[in-house]
Protein backbone atom coordinates (compact mmCIF):
# COMPACT_ATOMS: atom_id res chain seq x y z
CA MET A 1 108.13 208.43 126.85
CA ALA A 2 105.86 211.17 127.00
CA VAL A 3 102.24 210.70 125.07
CA ARG A 4 99.60 213.31 124.30
CA MET A 5 95.65 211.81 124.14
CA PRO A 6 94.37 211.82 121.66
CA SER A 7 91.66 214.97 121.22
CA ASN A 8 88.91 213.32 120.56
CA PHE A 9 88.35 212.58 124.15
CA GLY A 10 86.44 214.47 126.11
CA GLN A 11 86.72 215.69 130.21
CA SER A 12 83.58 216.10 131.03
CA GLY A 13 84.85 216.75 135.05
CA HIS A 14 82.77 213.81 135.80
CA GLY A 15 84.85 210.45 136.40
CA ASP A 16 82.87 207.73 134.32
CA ASP A 17 83.93 209.91 131.27
CA ALA A 18 87.53 210.41 132.11
CA PRO A 19 89.57 208.01 130.08
CA ASP A 20 92.07 205.61 131.06
CA VAL A 21 95.29 206.97 131.04
CA LEU A 22 97.31 204.50 132.42
CA GLY A 23 95.76 201.85 129.95
CA PHE A 24 96.57 204.04 127.26
CA GLU A 25 100.04 204.42 128.90
CA ILE A 26 100.94 200.65 128.65
CA LEU A 27 99.61 200.33 125.24
CA ALA A 28 102.13 203.31 123.77
CA GLU A 29 104.83 201.11 126.03
CA LYS A 30 104.06 198.36 124.26
CA ALA A 31 103.69 199.40 121.12
CA ALA A 32 107.47 201.16 121.58
CA SER A 33 108.85 198.37 122.80
CA LEU A 34 107.66 196.01 120.16
CA GLY A 35 109.15 198.56 117.70
CA ARG A 36 112.34 198.19 119.36
CA ALA A 37 111.98 194.28 119.21
CA GLY A 38 111.68 194.34 115.44
CA GLU A 39 114.41 196.82 115.16
CA ARG A 40 116.45 194.44 117.17
CA VAL A 41 115.22 191.69 114.42
CA GLU A 42 116.61 193.75 111.56
CA ALA A 43 120.15 194.37 113.25
CA ALA A 44 120.62 190.58 114.29
CA LEU A 45 119.21 189.29 110.46
CA ALA A 46 121.08 191.85 108.69
CA ARG A 47 124.42 190.75 111.15
CA LEU A 48 123.52 187.01 109.86
CA ARG A 49 122.92 187.63 106.67
CA LYS A 50 126.00 189.59 106.46
CA GLY A 51 128.26 187.26 108.40
CA GLY A 52 131.04 184.10 107.14
CA ALA A 53 130.29 180.74 107.84
CA GLU A 54 133.41 180.72 110.44
CA GLU A 55 130.49 182.87 112.92
CA ARG A 56 127.29 181.70 111.44
CA ALA A 57 126.54 179.77 114.72
CA VAL A 58 126.63 182.48 116.83
CA LEU A 59 124.69 184.42 114.38
CA LEU A 60 121.93 181.69 113.75
CA LYS A 61 122.10 182.18 117.73
CA ALA A 62 121.48 185.76 118.52
CA ALA A 63 119.22 186.04 115.36
CA ALA A 64 116.71 183.23 117.45
CA GLU A 65 116.80 184.96 120.60
CA ALA A 66 115.99 188.34 119.32
CA VAL A 67 113.58 187.00 116.91
CA HIS A 68 112.34 185.20 119.99
CA ALA A 69 111.85 188.25 122.66
CA TYR A 70 109.89 190.07 119.38
CA PHE A 71 107.53 187.31 119.09
CA ILE A 72 107.01 187.21 122.82
CA GLN A 73 106.50 191.24 122.19
CA ARG A 74 103.76 190.91 119.70
CA GLU A 75 102.43 187.96 121.63
CA LEU A 76 102.08 190.48 124.71
CA CYS A 77 100.58 193.41 122.38
CA GLY A 78 97.37 190.20 121.29
CA LEU A 79 99.48 189.40 117.87
CA ARG A 80 99.08 186.10 118.53
CA ARG A 81 99.95 184.67 114.47
CA HIS A 82 102.95 185.67 113.50
CA ASP A 83 102.89 184.55 109.76
CA ALA A 84 102.86 188.73 108.47
CA ALA A 85 106.22 189.30 110.41
CA ILE A 86 107.66 186.24 109.59
CA ARG A 87 107.71 187.47 105.44
CA GLU A 88 108.36 190.85 106.54
CA TYR A 89 111.49 190.42 108.13
CA ASP A 90 112.31 187.55 105.33
CA ILE A 91 113.45 185.17 109.11
CA PRO A 92 115.11 182.36 107.88
CA LYS A 93 114.05 178.61 107.42
CA ALA A 94 117.32 178.55 109.88
CA VAL A 95 116.52 181.08 112.48
CA LEU A 96 113.07 179.68 112.65
CA ALA A 97 114.05 175.48 112.96
CA ARG A 98 116.14 176.64 116.01
CA LEU A 99 112.75 178.38 117.85
CA GLY A 100 110.92 174.83 116.65
CA ALA A 101 108.97 175.85 114.31
CA ARG A 102 108.66 173.61 111.22
C-alpha cells in the first residue's frame, strides 16, 4: 500500500528533522489491517444472523474466530478496550462467550 506523507512534515535535508517514514508505513499498514479485520467481523456476523439453526454452531465458531482476530489487531494498534467495538458491531453475547467474556 502506498502512503503519501502529510504535507506538514518539512524536509530540511538534516537527519534529525527527517520524518519516520518506516514508522508511518507501519502505522498505515496497522490501520489497513484493522479495517480488513473489521470487514471480516461484519461478514461473519451477517452470516451468523442469516444462518439457520442447523449451521449455527459452525457460524458461531467462525464469528468468534473473526472477532478474536479483530480484538488482537485492535490491541496491536494500542486499543485495549473493546466495549465500543462490541456495541458498534452489535456482537452477540453467544460470540463473546466463546471468547471467554462474561
